[in-house]
């Protein structure tokens, strides 16, 4: 299965409908004949570049990258996709169940 990194949660949900035991592995740094590269979809704005003029230090860059890392953690990803836990959704046996509106 190939998809964009920010679409992983949806892809996993779709995959589980087909095979509940399936597992998903994420990879975006792939080695090819010219060395390592990052897979991306043309014209898909998932590449972020940071100018040295805007980000003055390695410490600042690490802080920015921590934000991106944080959004990939389960609780943050669930918040971004489903809303507030126990208000908009509930976790039951590790699975998201949407609460009635």
Protein backbone atom coordinates (compact mmCIF):
# COMPACT_ATOMS: atom_id res chain seq x y z
CA UNK A 1 0.00 0.00 0.00
CA UNK A 2 1.39 3.40 -0.92
CA UNK A 3 0.11 6.66 0.45
CA UNK A 4 1.04 9.99 1.95
CA UNK A 5 2.43 10.10 5.48
CA UNK A 6 -0.38 12.33 6.71
CA UNK A 7 -2.93 9.84 5.36
CA UNK A 8 -1.64 6.89 7.38
CA UNK A 9 -4.53 6.75 9.83
CA UNK A 10 -7.15 6.57 7.06
CA UNK A 11 -5.14 3.99 5.12
CA UNK A 12 -4.83 1.84 8.23
CA UNK A 13 -8.57 2.10 8.89
CA UNK A 14 -9.34 1.01 5.31
CA UNK A 15 -6.82 -1.83 5.49
CA UNK A 16 -8.32 -3.16 8.75
CA UNK A 17 -11.74 -3.41 7.06
CA UNK A 18 -10.21 -5.86 4.59
CA UNK A 19 -7.98 -7.76 7.03
CA UNK A 20 -8.26 -7.09 10.77
CA UNK A 21 -4.87 -8.73 11.39
CA UNK A 22 -2.97 -6.70 8.81
CA UNK A 23 -0.13 -4.48 9.98
CA UNK A 24 1.12 -1.28 8.42
CA UNK A 25 4.77 -0.22 8.25
CA UNK A 26 5.72 3.37 7.54
CA UNK A 27 8.71 4.16 5.37
CA UNK A 28 9.54 7.40 3.66
CA UNK A 29 13.34 7.27 3.44
CA UNK A 30 13.91 4.74 0.70
CA UNK A 31 17.23 3.73 -0.79
CA UNK A 32 17.37 3.68 -4.58
CA UNK A 33 20.07 3.52 -7.22
CA UNK A 34 21.10 7.13 -6.45
CA UNK A 35 21.13 6.66 -2.66
CA UNK A 36 18.48 7.58 -0.12
CA UNK A 37 15.48 9.63 -1.14
CA UNK A 38 12.16 10.63 0.31
CA UNK A 39 9.07 9.33 -1.46
CA UNK A 40 6.44 11.95 -2.22
CA UNK A 41 3.47 12.54 -4.45
CA UNK A 42 4.07 15.23 -7.13
CA UNK A 43 2.25 18.48 -6.36
CA UNK A 44 1.30 17.19 -2.91
CA UNK A 45 2.40 19.74 -0.33
CA UNK A 46 3.78 17.41 2.32
CA UNK A 47 7.36 18.59 2.06
CA UNK A 48 8.39 21.20 4.60
CA UNK A 49 11.53 23.26 4.11
CA UNK A 50 13.04 25.47 6.78
CA UNK A 51 15.10 28.50 5.83
CA UNK A 52 18.18 29.31 7.88
CA UNK A 53 16.92 32.89 7.89
CA UNK A 54 13.66 31.83 9.57
CA UNK A 55 15.08 29.11 11.85
CA UNK A 56 18.16 30.55 13.49
CA UNK A 57 19.51 27.57 15.39
CA UNK A 58 19.53 23.79 15.50
CA UNK A 59 17.67 24.02 18.80
CA UNK A 60 14.87 26.01 17.11
CA UNK A 61 14.71 23.47 14.28
CA UNK A 62 14.52 20.58 16.74
CA UNK A 63 11.62 22.32 18.51
CA UNK A 64 9.75 22.68 15.20
CA UNK A 65 10.44 19.04 14.29
CA UNK A 66 9.18 17.92 17.71
CA UNK A 67 5.80 19.40 16.76
CA UNK A 68 5.67 17.29 13.59
CA UNK A 69 6.75 14.19 15.52
CA UNK A 70 4.08 14.86 18.13
CA UNK A 71 1.29 14.95 15.54
CA UNK A 72 2.17 11.36 14.56
CA UNK A 73 1.63 10.00 18.08
CA UNK A 74 -1.63 8.11 18.58
CA UNK A 75 -3.32 10.55 20.98
CA UNK A 76 -2.45 13.63 18.91
CA UNK A 77 -3.39 11.90 15.65
CA UNK A 78 -6.72 10.83 17.18
CA UNK A 79 -7.34 14.37 18.40
CA UNK A 80 -6.67 15.82 14.94
CA UNK A 81 -8.84 13.20 13.21
CA UNK A 82 -11.68 12.57 15.71
CA UNK A 83 -11.70 15.48 18.18
CA UNK A 84 -11.69 15.52 21.97
CA UNK A 85 -11.40 12.14 23.73
CA UNK A 86 -14.49 11.13 25.74
CA UNK A 87 -16.43 13.99 24.15
CA UNK A 88 -16.22 13.27 20.41
CA UNK A 89 -14.93 9.70 20.61
CA UNK A 90 -14.13 6.91 23.05
CA UNK A 91 -11.39 4.30 22.91
CA UNK A 92 -12.73 0.77 23.42
CA UNK A 93 -10.26 -2.10 23.31
CA UNK A 94 -7.80 0.21 21.60
CA UNK A 95 -10.27 1.17 18.85
CA UNK A 96 -11.92 4.53 18.24
CA UNK A 97 -15.70 4.62 18.63
CA UNK A 98 -17.33 7.89 17.61
CA UNK A 99 -19.76 9.29 20.15
CA UNK A 100 -23.19 10.47 18.98
CA UNK A 101 -23.29 14.19 18.18
